[in-house]
Amino acid sequence: GAAAAPRADSSEATPADSARGPRRKDRLYVWTAPFDSASAKPIVESDNRVAGYVFTTDGKWVLLSESAAGTAHTYAVALDNPATRHTIYRARGAQVGFNTGTFGGGNPRGGPDDEGFYNNPGSVVLRQQGSASAALVSSDGRSVFLEGTHFDRNPQNTAPRMFVDKVDLASGAKSRLFESDTAVYESNPVPVDDDFIRFVVTRETETVVPDQWLRERSTGKLTRLTENRDVTAEVTRLPRKLIQVTRADGYKFWVNVTLPQGYRAGTRLPGMFWFYPYEYTDQEQYDRTRRSFNKHKFPVTGPRSMEIMATQGYAVIQPDAPVFGAEGRLNDNYVPDLRNNLAAVIDELDRLAIIDRTRLGLGGHSYGAFSTVNALVNTPYFKAGIAGDGNYNRTLTPNGFQSERRDLWTARDTYLQMSPILYADRLQGALLMYHSMEDQNTGTDPINSIRLLHALQGMGKPAALYMYPYEDHGPLIQETLLDQWGRWVAWLDLYVKNAGKTAAPGEKVAAAGEVVPN
């Protein structure tokens, strides 16, 4: 049998409808030859929504997951005795189903509560069998396995730990087979045998590129299987800082700062912000997104990673930029929160003598592009902006956007306040836009960039727009990417790095193309 895809409505049992009677139970059938109407036999039925199921590799058991009242329940049923359910785990806040990996913590809206997150029972280990997956069962046919990651309550100091548990199918008794230490991040365990005696893991640190290793559980022996190379060492080895800042209204959030190689404390650099705001109801919900922080995660560099600008003498600043609002009204504070976020970051980095606050640029892609133009309209901090594949007129998304579930007519004031094209006369700084000509994203039709360019040109403001053919929502073609980087660097050097900053007496300021030491 194959694992069923998780159901979108699997989180809770649906109450009875007075007009239609009780909700129909979820049932799992076994259909055997000759595959007629009489040969389909139900083996499991549940009053709760069954989120997923998977058979074991020996075909003797089926594992099911369901959730009710916020508690996930994964249990096993023997096909020769389907009346008895054997609990694999029951855990509050855990995600149901059999998807590999860890659960919660990385969701922009926060994930499960602390009880569910820190008591992660893990996910059932699957083995691919042809075109389907099955739960790995031990060689004696008695046990299945769980793998997952435990996160520390102070992730800035203690790295996450991978674990593998063995669970007896009949009794539910659990034993820990392996738990990694915190010196190296290990993930994605793949067993070579049926008993997890030997398994392949990915190992990495913040300075060591991820590689696959064969681990022998009985002896602890590790054998390296791959030799991946860090092909962007000039970027991944740059010095980095993780800084927590506090806004004027008391909200706290985190900022990643990447600095040029050879940077010395006290050197003020031109700064380039790159960001993408998310919405939260309160500080607690935002804090949940930080629980899965991994201090040993290798800093992978992509073709559009803004950290590349640090090689050109910039401090690259990537703030979380949370927007806080009541449930159902998340964006009512979007503009003031945008200002508060950016002001708090600039003030803190200025206090730490990292940036020259008179030479700052910012940018973002998609919703980050939208927020970039809003920042240029609503703050005086930036000399230039880079905005890609964005929306600049929220009336063009009248039925909602991002986490905004109200329509234009219900939240007219919010939609209009968040539409930077309506305030383009206030825009400060030079704006470079790019847009993919085949952008299929619902809310970011290329007309957004075209019309904003017309508006800015009509007012004589410095602006440019580059349209890239054959690209969708996010450039991928090598020619496009190389063209973009050439234009971005030239634009920022012209309007930010060489913005005419004059050093105060005794002050050390990095000039164009150099890092000035103490």
Protein backbone atom coordinates (compact mmCIF):
# COMPACT_ATOMS: atom_id res chain seq x y z
CA GLY A 1 0.00 0.00 0.00
CA ALA A 2 1.01 3.62 -0.42
CA ALA A 3 0.96 6.50 2.06
CA ALA A 4 -1.99 8.78 1.60
CA ALA A 5 -1.41 12.47 1.13
CA PRO A 6 -2.30 14.50 4.25
CA ARG A 7 -5.78 15.99 4.09
CA ALA A 8 -6.25 19.73 4.17
CA ASP A 9 -9.05 19.41 6.70
CA SER A 10 -7.34 16.90 8.97
CA SER A 11 -6.72 19.01 12.05
CA GLU A 12 -9.97 18.42 13.93
CA ALA A 13 -13.06 16.25 13.91
CA THR A 14 -16.00 18.10 12.38
CA PRO A 15 -19.03 18.55 14.67
CA ALA A 16 -22.33 17.05 13.66
CA ASP A 17 -24.46 19.14 11.36
CA SER A 18 -28.02 19.30 12.72
CA ALA A 19 -29.46 19.24 9.22
CA ARG A 20 -27.36 16.37 7.85
CA GLY A 21 -26.64 14.35 10.99
CA PRO A 22 -23.24 13.16 12.28
CA ARG A 23 -20.21 13.48 10.02
CA ARG A 24 -19.39 10.38 8.06
CA LYS A 25 -16.57 8.36 9.60
CA ASP A 26 -13.22 8.03 7.87
CA ARG A 27 -12.57 4.45 6.78
CA LEU A 28 -9.64 2.50 5.37
CA TYR A 29 -10.46 -0.50 3.20
CA VAL A 30 -8.47 -3.44 1.91
CA TRP A 31 -9.56 -4.44 -1.58
CA THR A 32 -8.50 -7.90 -2.66
CA ALA A 33 -8.97 -10.05 -5.76
CA PRO A 34 -11.25 -10.42 -7.63
CA PHE A 35 -11.77 -6.69 -6.88
CA ASP A 36 -15.54 -6.76 -6.98
CA SER A 37 -17.96 -4.98 -4.66
CA ALA A 38 -17.90 -7.85 -2.19
CA SER A 39 -14.11 -7.98 -1.83
CA ALA A 40 -13.62 -4.50 -0.30
CA LYS A 41 -13.39 -4.89 3.47
CA PRO A 42 -13.05 -2.03 6.00
CA ILE A 43 -10.16 -2.53 8.41
CA VAL A 44 -10.16 0.82 10.25
CA GLU A 45 -12.78 3.47 10.86
CA SER A 46 -12.42 6.65 12.89
CA ASP A 47 -14.61 9.46 14.19
CA ASN A 48 -11.62 11.79 13.66
CA ARG A 49 -10.11 12.89 10.39
CA VAL A 50 -7.43 10.44 9.26
CA ALA A 51 -4.58 12.59 8.01
CA GLY A 52 -2.56 9.82 6.41
CA TYR A 53 -1.72 6.15 6.41
CA VAL A 54 1.16 3.94 5.36
CA PHE A 55 1.68 0.18 5.23
CA THR A 56 4.82 -1.44 6.62
CA THR A 57 7.43 -2.89 4.30
CA ASP A 58 6.38 -6.45 5.19
CA GLY A 59 2.73 -5.69 4.41
CA LYS A 60 1.48 -6.96 7.78
CA TRP A 61 0.67 -3.65 9.47
CA VAL A 62 -0.80 -0.30 8.57
CA LEU A 63 0.06 2.90 10.44
CA LEU A 64 -2.46 5.73 10.60
CA SER A 65 -2.30 9.29 11.89
CA GLU A 66 -5.19 11.44 13.04
CA SER A 67 -5.68 14.53 15.16
CA ALA A 68 -8.34 15.69 17.58
CA ALA A 69 -8.42 18.51 20.13
CA GLY A 70 -4.87 19.55 19.20
CA THR A 71 -3.37 16.12 19.90
CA ALA A 72 -1.83 13.95 17.17
CA HIS A 73 -2.24 10.21 17.43
CA THR A 74 -0.27 7.76 15.31
CA TYR A 75 -1.16 4.12 15.78
CA ALA A 76 -0.60 0.72 14.19
CA VAL A 77 -3.16 -1.89 13.17
CA ALA A 78 -2.26 -5.48 12.34
CA LEU A 79 -4.07 -6.57 9.20
CA ASP A 80 -4.82 -9.95 10.77
CA ASN A 81 -6.31 -8.25 13.87
CA PRO A 82 -7.67 -4.85 12.80
CA ALA A 83 -9.87 -4.40 15.85
CA THR A 84 -6.89 -3.51 18.08
CA ARG A 85 -5.03 -0.19 17.82
CA HIS A 86 -1.43 -0.01 19.02
CA THR A 87 -0.26 3.53 19.82
CA ILE A 88 3.04 4.59 18.28
CA TYR A 89 2.84 8.05 19.80
CA ARG A 90 0.27 10.48 21.09
CA ALA A 91 1.54 14.06 21.36
CA ARG A 92 0.01 17.49 21.72
CA GLY A 93 0.85 19.88 18.89
CA ALA A 94 2.71 17.33 16.77
CA GLN A 95 1.96 17.27 13.06
CA VAL A 96 0.11 14.23 11.81
CA GLY A 97 1.08 12.23 8.76
CA PHE A 98 4.31 10.67 7.59
CA ASN A 99 6.25 13.44 5.91
CA THR A 100 9.95 13.21 6.62
CA GLY A 101 11.82 15.89 8.52
CA THR A 102 11.04 17.93 11.59
CA PHE A 103 7.83 19.74 12.28
CA GLY A 104 6.97 23.33 13.17
CA GLY A 105 9.23 26.21 14.11
CA GLY A 106 10.04 27.35 10.59
CA ASN A 107 6.53 28.34 9.65
CA PRO A 108 6.27 32.12 9.12
CA ARG A 109 3.24 32.15 11.45
CA GLY A 110 4.96 30.23 14.24
CA GLY A 111 4.08 26.52 14.21
CA PRO A 112 2.89 24.47 17.20
CA ASP A 113 2.98 25.59 20.82
CA ASP A 114 6.07 24.95 22.94
CA GLU A 115 4.75 21.69 24.36
CA GLY A 116 4.31 20.23 20.92
CA PHE A 117 7.50 21.68 19.50
CA TYR A 118 9.98 20.71 22.21
CA ASN A 119 8.46 17.24 22.72
CA ASN A 120 8.70 16.33 19.06
CA PRO A 121 8.07 12.55 18.81
CA GLY A 122 9.57 12.43 15.33
CA SER A 123 8.31 11.09 12.01
CA VAL A 124 7.86 7.48 10.95
CA VAL A 125 10.86 6.39 8.87
CA LEU A 126 9.80 5.43 5.34
CA ARG A 127 11.46 3.36 2.66
CA GLN A 128 10.81 3.87 -1.02
CA GLN A 129 9.35 0.78 -2.67
CA GLY A 130 8.86 1.29 -6.37
CA SER A 131 6.61 4.29 -6.85
CA ALA A 132 5.31 4.23 -3.27
CA SER A 133 6.65 4.54 0.27
CA ALA A 134 6.24 2.12 3.17
CA ALA A 135 7.13 2.30 6.85
CA LEU A 136 10.42 0.54 7.53
CA VAL A 137 9.85 -2.47 9.78
CA SER A 138 12.67 -4.21 11.66
CA SER A 139 14.01 -7.57 10.50
CA ASP A 140 12.07 -9.40 13.23
CA GLY A 141 8.85 -7.70 12.08
CA ARG A 142 8.17 -6.25 15.52
CA SER A 143 9.22 -2.59 15.35
CA VAL A 144 9.12 0.59 13.33
CA PHE A 145 11.36 3.64 13.64
CA LEU A 146 10.94 7.36 14.31
CA GLU A 147 13.42 10.04 13.33
CA GLY A 148 13.35 13.71 14.21
CA THR A 149 15.17 16.69 15.65
CA HIS A 150 15.13 18.10 19.15
CA PHE A 151 15.69 21.85 19.49
CA ASP A 152 17.09 23.54 22.58
CA ARG A 153 15.22 26.36 24.28
CA ASN A 154 18.32 28.50 23.80
CA PRO A 155 19.19 27.75 20.16
CA GLN A 156 21.73 30.57 19.94
CA ASN A 157 23.95 28.56 22.31
CA THR A 158 22.95 24.93 21.72
CA ALA A 159 22.52 23.36 18.29
CA PRO A 160 19.67 20.97 17.43
CA ARG A 161 20.13 17.20 17.84
CA MET A 162 18.90 14.49 15.50
CA PHE A 163 17.50 11.30 17.04
CA VAL A 164 16.32 7.86 15.95
CA ASP A 165 13.90 5.82 18.09
CA LYS A 166 12.75 2.22 17.79
CA VAL A 167 9.09 1.56 18.66
CA ASP A 168 7.60 -1.85 19.37
CA LEU A 169 4.47 -2.20 17.24
CA ALA A 170 2.51 -4.29 19.73
CA SER A 171 3.37 -2.54 23.01
CA GLY A 172 4.42 0.95 21.90
CA ALA A 173 7.60 0.61 24.00
CA LYS A 174 10.19 3.07 22.75
CA SER A 175 13.99 2.89 22.89
CA ARG A 176 16.50 5.44 21.64
CA LEU A 177 18.92 4.03 19.10
CA PHE A 178 20.87 7.19 18.34
CA GLU A 179 21.12 10.84 19.29
CA SER A 180 23.66 13.20 17.75
CA ASP A 181 25.77 15.57 19.79
CA THR A 182 25.61 19.34 19.45
CA ALA A 183 29.06 19.89 17.92
CA VAL A 184 27.90 18.96 14.40
CA TYR A 185 24.43 19.16 12.88
CA GLU A 186 23.26 15.78 11.58
CA SER A 187 20.08 15.25 9.57
CA ASN A 188 18.22 13.03 7.09
CA PRO A 189 19.11 9.56 8.43
CA VAL A 190 18.68 6.87 5.76
CA PRO A 191 19.06 3.27 6.99
CA VAL A 192 21.14 0.85 4.94
CA ASP A 193 19.59 -2.20 6.63
CA ASP A 194 16.29 -3.04 8.32
CA ASP A 195 17.52 -2.41 11.88
CA PHE A 196 19.32 0.94 11.67
CA ILE A 197 22.63 -0.79 12.40
CA ARG A 198 24.16 1.32 9.65
CA PHE A 199 22.68 4.49 8.24
CA VAL A 200 23.66 7.44 6.09
CA VAL A 201 23.44 10.95 7.54
CA THR A 202 24.17 14.48 6.38
CA ARG A 203 26.72 16.28 8.57
CA GLU A 204 27.51 19.99 8.49
CA THR A 205 28.56 22.98 10.56
CA GLU A 206 28.52 26.70 9.93
CA THR A 207 32.02 26.34 8.40
CA VAL A 208 31.92 22.79 6.98
CA VAL A 209 29.96 22.10 3.80
CA PRO A 210 27.27 19.38 4.10
CA ASP A 211 28.45 15.87 3.23
CA GLN A 212 26.98 12.37 3.45
CA TRP A 213 28.54 9.98 5.95
CA LEU A 214 27.95 6.31 6.74
CA ARG A 215 27.47 5.86 10.47
CA GLU A 216 27.85 2.46 12.16
CA ARG A 217 25.75 2.55 15.29
CA SER A 218 27.47 -0.24 17.23
CA THR A 219 31.00 1.15 16.91
CA GLY A 220 30.33 4.83 16.22
CA LYS A 221 32.54 4.60 13.13
CA LEU A 222 31.98 7.29 10.51
CA THR A 223 32.91 6.86 6.84
CA ARG A 224 32.74 9.82 4.52
CA LEU A 225 30.81 9.05 1.33
CA THR A 226 30.84 12.37 -0.52
CA GLU A 227 33.34 15.18 -0.90
CA ASN A 228 31.27 18.26 -1.65
CA ARG A 229 33.16 21.47 -2.28
CA ASP A 230 32.30 24.96 -1.18
CA VAL A 231 32.30 26.68 -4.56
CA THR A 232 31.47 30.11 -3.10
CA ALA A 233 33.95 30.20 -0.23
CA GLU A 234 34.55 33.92 -0.74
CA VAL A 235 30.93 34.43 0.36
CA THR A 236 30.24 31.60 2.80
CA ARG A 237 33.35 32.41 4.85
CA LEU A 238 32.46 36.05 5.34
CA PRO A 239 32.12 37.20 8.97
CA ARG A 240 28.54 37.22 10.22
CA LYS A 241 26.68 38.64 13.19
CA LEU A 242 23.28 37.77 14.63
CA ILE A 243 21.86 40.77 16.47
CA GLN A 244 18.63 41.21 18.40
CA VAL A 245 17.10 44.68 18.23
CA THR A 246 14.25 46.30 20.15
CA ARG A 247 11.79 48.64 18.49
CA ALA A 248 10.56 51.85 20.07
CA ASP A 249 7.29 50.09 20.95
CA GLY A 250 9.11 47.24 22.73
CA TYR A 251 8.87 44.48 20.13
CA LYS A 252 12.08 42.48 19.64
CA PHE A 253 13.34 40.77 16.50
CA TRP A 254 16.54 39.41 14.96
CA VAL A 255 18.85 40.72 12.26
CA ASN A 256 21.53 38.89 10.26
CA VAL A 257 24.51 41.01 9.27
CA THR A 258 27.19 39.88 6.80
CA LEU A 259 30.43 41.84 6.65
CA PRO A 260 33.35 42.06 4.20
CA GLN A 261 36.34 39.80 4.71
CA GLY A 262 38.90 41.51 6.92
CA TYR A 263 36.33 43.76 8.55
CA ARG A 264 37.47 45.37 11.80
CA ALA A 265 35.20 46.62 14.54
CA GLY A 266 34.46 50.33 14.34
CA THR A 267 34.62 50.54 10.54
CA ARG A 268 31.48 52.20 9.20
CA LEU A 269 30.35 50.66 5.93
CA PRO A 270 27.71 51.47 3.35
CA GLY A 271 24.78 49.20 4.16
CA MET A 272 22.51 47.15 1.93
CA PHE A 273 19.25 45.86 3.46
CA TRP A 274 17.45 42.86 1.96
CA PHE A 275 14.17 41.83 3.57
CA TYR A 276 10.76 40.15 3.36
CA PRO A 277 8.24 41.03 6.10
CA TYR A 278 5.90 38.49 7.71
CA GLU A 279 2.79 39.09 9.80
CA TYR A 280 2.24 37.98 13.41
CA THR A 281 -0.39 38.53 16.06
CA ASP A 282 2.07 39.10 18.92
CA GLN A 283 5.65 38.74 20.15
CA GLU A 284 5.08 35.13 21.20
CA GLN A 285 4.00 34.08 17.74
CA TYR A 286 7.07 35.73 16.22
CA ASP A 287 9.37 34.12 18.79
CA ARG A 288 8.12 30.69 17.76
CA THR A 289 9.69 31.17 14.34
CA ARG A 290 13.12 31.40 15.98
CA ARG A 291 12.91 28.10 17.86
CA SER A 292 14.29 26.10 14.94
CA PHE A 293 17.34 28.35 14.54
CA ASN A 294 20.37 26.17 13.78
CA LYS A 295 23.73 27.66 14.71
CA HIS A 296 25.50 24.91 12.72
CA LYS A 297 23.60 25.43 9.47
CA PHE A 298 26.04 25.91 6.60
CA PRO A 299 25.41 29.29 4.92
CA VAL A 300 24.52 28.17 1.41
CA THR A 301 24.96 30.86 -1.24
CA GLY A 302 22.43 31.05 -4.06
CA PRO A 303 22.63 32.94 -7.35
CA ARG A 304 20.62 35.84 -5.87
CA SER A 305 22.02 35.80 -2.31
CA MET A 306 22.47 39.42 -1.31
CA GLU A 307 25.46 38.44 0.88
CA ILE A 308 27.44 38.67 -2.36
CA MET A 309 27.34 42.46 -1.93
CA ALA A 310 29.60 42.09 1.12
CA THR A 311 32.40 41.18 -1.31
CA GLN A 312 31.91 44.66 -2.77
CA GLY A 313 32.48 46.44 0.53
CA TYR A 314 28.92 46.60 1.90
CA ALA A 315 27.47 45.52 5.21
CA VAL A 316 24.56 43.29 4.15
CA ILE A 317 21.65 43.53 6.59
CA GLN A 318 18.81 41.00 6.55
CA PRO A 319 16.23 41.82 9.25
CA ASP A 320 13.20 39.69 10.09
CA ALA A 321 10.92 42.78 9.87
CA PRO A 322 7.81 41.50 11.70
CA VAL A 323 4.44 43.20 11.22
CA PHE A 324 2.13 42.85 14.24
CA GLY A 325 -1.64 43.04 14.17
CA ALA A 326 -4.77 41.53 15.63
CA GLU A 327 -6.01 38.30 14.07
CA GLY A 328 -8.05 39.25 11.01
CA ARG A 329 -6.47 42.73 10.93
CA LEU A 330 -2.81 41.81 10.58
CA ASN A 331 -1.86 44.64 8.21
CA ASP A 332 -3.51 47.60 9.92
CA ASN A 333 -0.09 48.53 11.37
CA TYR A 334 1.95 47.66 8.29
CA VAL A 335 3.34 51.13 7.53
CA PRO A 336 4.22 52.18 11.11
CA ASP A 337 5.71 48.73 11.80
CA LEU A 338 7.79 49.00 8.64
CA ARG A 339 9.18 52.33 9.85
CA ASN A 340 9.75 51.04 13.39
CA ASN A 341 11.59 47.95 12.16
CA LEU A 342 13.96 49.81 9.88
CA ALA A 343 14.60 52.62 12.36
CA ALA A 344 15.44 50.13 15.11
CA VAL A 345 17.92 48.26 12.92
CA ILE A 346 19.60 51.42 11.67
CA ASP A 347 19.89 52.87 15.17
CA GLU A 348 21.41 49.66 16.57
CA LEU A 349 23.92 49.18 13.74
CA ASP A 350 24.83 52.85 14.00
CA ARG A 351 25.38 52.42 17.75
CA LEU A 352 27.64 49.44 17.02
CA ALA A 353 29.57 51.56 14.47
CA ILE A 354 28.93 49.03 11.68
CA ILE A 355 27.13 51.25 9.17
CA ASP A 356 27.37 54.73 7.80
CA ARG A 357 23.71 55.64 8.17
CA THR A 358 23.95 58.23 5.41
CA ARG A 359 24.81 55.54 2.84
CA LEU A 360 22.10 52.91 2.92
CA GLY A 361 20.23 50.96 0.28
CA LEU A 362 17.54 48.31 0.56
CA GLY A 363 15.78 45.78 -1.58
CA GLY A 364 13.70 42.66 -1.82
CA HIS A 365 11.91 40.26 -4.11
CA SER A 366 8.13 39.87 -4.50
CA TYR A 367 6.60 40.99 -1.16
CA GLY A 368 10.07 42.23 -0.28
CA ALA A 369 10.00 44.40 -3.41
CA PHE A 370 6.60 45.75 -2.42
CA SER A 371 7.98 46.54 1.05
CA THR A 372 11.08 48.14 -0.44
CA VAL A 373 9.03 50.70 -2.36
CA ASN A 374 6.86 51.29 0.70
CA ALA A 375 10.01 51.97 2.71
CA LEU A 376 11.28 54.47 0.12
CA VAL A 377 7.89 56.21 0.29
CA ASN A 378 7.47 56.20 4.06
CA THR A 379 11.01 56.64 5.44
CA PRO A 380 13.92 59.01 4.75
CA TYR A 381 16.69 56.49 5.39
CA PHE A 382 17.70 55.09 2.00
CA LYS A 383 19.61 56.42 -0.97
CA ALA A 384 18.54 53.62 -3.33
CA GLY A 385 16.33 50.57 -3.65
CA ILE A 386 16.20 47.36 -5.69
CA ALA A 387 12.73 45.88 -6.15
CA GLY A 388 11.98 42.72 -8.13
CA ASP A 389 8.74 41.09 -9.29
CA GLY A 390 6.69 43.21 -6.92
CA ASN A 391 3.18 44.56 -6.52
CA TYR A 392 2.89 48.29 -5.92
CA ASN A 393 -0.87 48.74 -6.13
CA ARG A 394 -2.89 46.63 -3.72
CA THR A 395 -6.14 47.42 -5.51
CA LEU A 396 -4.88 44.94 -8.12
CA THR A 397 -5.18 42.18 -5.50
CA PRO A 398 -8.69 43.08 -4.31
CA ASN A 399 -9.51 39.70 -2.75
CA GLY A 400 -6.56 39.49 -0.37
CA PHE A 401 -2.78 39.03 -0.36
CA GLN A 402 -0.13 37.39 1.85
CA SER A 403 -1.82 36.96 5.26
CA GLU A 404 -4.45 39.62 4.52
CA ARG A 405 -7.78 37.82 4.29
CA ARG A 406 -10.05 40.88 4.06
CA ASP A 407 -11.01 42.13 0.64
CA LEU A 408 -10.47 45.64 -0.68
CA TRP A 409 -13.98 46.79 0.15
CA THR A 410 -13.81 45.56 3.75
CA ALA A 411 -10.35 47.03 4.45
CA ARG A 412 -10.22 49.88 1.95
CA ASP A 413 -8.07 52.17 4.11
CA THR A 414 -5.47 49.45 4.72
CA TYR A 415 -5.27 48.54 1.03
CA LEU A 416 -4.80 52.16 0.01
CA GLN A 417 -2.28 52.95 2.74
CA MET A 418 -0.22 49.95 1.65
CA SER A 419 -0.21 50.91 -2.06
CA PRO A 420 3.05 52.83 -2.63
CA ILE A 421 2.11 53.95 -6.15
CA LEU A 422 -0.51 56.22 -4.56
CA TYR A 423 2.27 58.00 -2.67
CA ALA A 424 4.98 57.83 -5.32
CA ASP A 425 5.44 61.61 -5.07
CA ARG A 426 6.99 61.01 -1.62
CA LEU A 427 9.48 58.40 -2.81
CA GLN A 428 13.06 59.19 -1.83
CA GLY A 429 16.08 57.47 -3.33
CA ALA A 430 16.86 55.97 -6.72
CA LEU A 431 14.74 52.90 -7.52
CA LEU A 432 15.91 50.05 -9.75
CA MET A 433 13.14 47.59 -10.59
CA TYR A 434 13.31 44.26 -12.39
CA HIS A 435 10.40 42.11 -13.46
CA SER A 436 10.07 38.73 -15.17
CA MET A 437 8.06 39.07 -18.35
CA GLU A 438 6.38 35.68 -17.78
CA ASP A 439 5.64 36.27 -14.09
CA GLN A 440 2.81 33.84 -13.30
CA ASN A 441 2.41 34.84 -9.65
CA THR A 442 -1.19 35.94 -9.12
CA GLY A 443 -0.43 39.18 -7.32
CA THR A 444 2.63 40.45 -9.20
CA ASP A 445 1.66 41.04 -12.80
CA PRO A 446 4.41 42.95 -14.66
CA ILE A 447 1.99 45.87 -15.14
CA ASN A 448 2.80 46.83 -11.54
CA SER A 449 6.40 47.71 -12.38
CA ILE A 450 5.57 49.28 -15.72
CA ARG A 451 3.02 51.68 -14.25
CA LEU A 452 5.21 52.59 -11.27
CA LEU A 453 8.06 53.40 -13.65
CA HIS A 454 5.76 55.66 -15.66
CA ALA A 455 4.71 57.45 -12.47
CA LEU A 456 8.28 58.01 -11.27
CA GLN A 457 9.51 59.12 -14.69
CA GLY A 458 6.64 61.57 -14.92
CA MET A 459 7.81 63.20 -11.70
CA GLY A 460 11.46 63.20 -12.74
CA LYS A 461 12.57 60.76 -10.04
CA PRO A 462 15.61 58.49 -10.68
CA ALA A 463 14.21 55.09 -11.63
CA ALA A 464 14.89 52.20 -13.99
CA LEU A 465 13.08 49.00 -14.95
CA TYR A 466 14.60 45.91 -16.57
CA MET A 467 12.21 43.32 -18.01
CA TYR A 468 13.61 39.81 -18.45
CA PRO A 469 12.14 37.49 -21.13
CA TYR A 470 11.39 33.80 -20.54
CA GLU A 471 11.54 34.29 -16.76
CA ASP A 472 8.81 33.43 -14.25
CA HIS A 473 8.42 34.70 -10.66
CA GLY A 474 12.11 34.66 -9.76
CA PRO A 475 14.92 34.84 -12.35
CA LEU A 476 16.82 31.61 -13.07
CA ILE A 477 18.62 32.00 -16.40
CA GLN A 478 22.37 32.59 -16.18
CA GLU A 479 22.28 35.51 -18.62
CA THR A 480 19.57 37.18 -16.54
CA LEU A 481 21.40 36.72 -13.26
CA LEU A 482 24.70 38.04 -14.58
CA ASP A 483 22.95 41.04 -16.11
CA GLN A 484 21.19 41.73 -12.80
CA TRP A 485 24.33 41.60 -10.69
CA GLY A 486 26.14 43.92 -13.05
CA ARG A 487 23.31 46.45 -12.87
CA TRP A 488 22.76 46.07 -9.10
CA VAL A 489 26.40 46.66 -8.21
CA ALA A 490 26.66 49.66 -10.54
CA TRP A 491 23.40 51.14 -9.19
CA LEU A 492 24.37 50.76 -5.54
CA ASP A 493 27.90 52.01 -6.11
CA LEU A 494 26.53 55.12 -7.81
CA TYR A 495 23.74 55.99 -5.40
CA VAL A 496 24.85 54.42 -2.09
CA LYS A 497 28.57 53.73 -1.79
CA ASN A 498 29.55 57.00 -3.45
CA ALA A 499 26.74 59.08 -2.03
CA GLY A 500 29.14 61.81 -0.91
CA LYS A 501 29.57 60.99 2.76
CA THR A 502 32.16 63.20 4.40
CA ALA A 503 33.82 61.79 7.49
CA ALA A 504 33.67 63.73 10.71
CA PRO A 505 37.03 64.64 12.27
CA GLY A 506 38.74 61.46 13.45
CA GLU A 507 36.01 59.18 12.05
CA LYS A 508 37.00 56.22 9.91
CA VAL A 509 34.63 55.68 7.00
CA ALA A 510 34.98 53.04 4.28
CA ALA A 511 35.24 54.72 0.89
CA ALA A 512 34.17 53.13 -2.36
CA GLY A 513 35.75 49.73 -2.86
CA GLU A 514 37.70 49.50 0.39
CA VAL A 515 37.38 48.46 4.00
CA VAL A 516 39.14 50.82 6.38
CA PRO A 517 40.65 49.16 9.48
CA ASN A 518 41.02 50.79 12.85
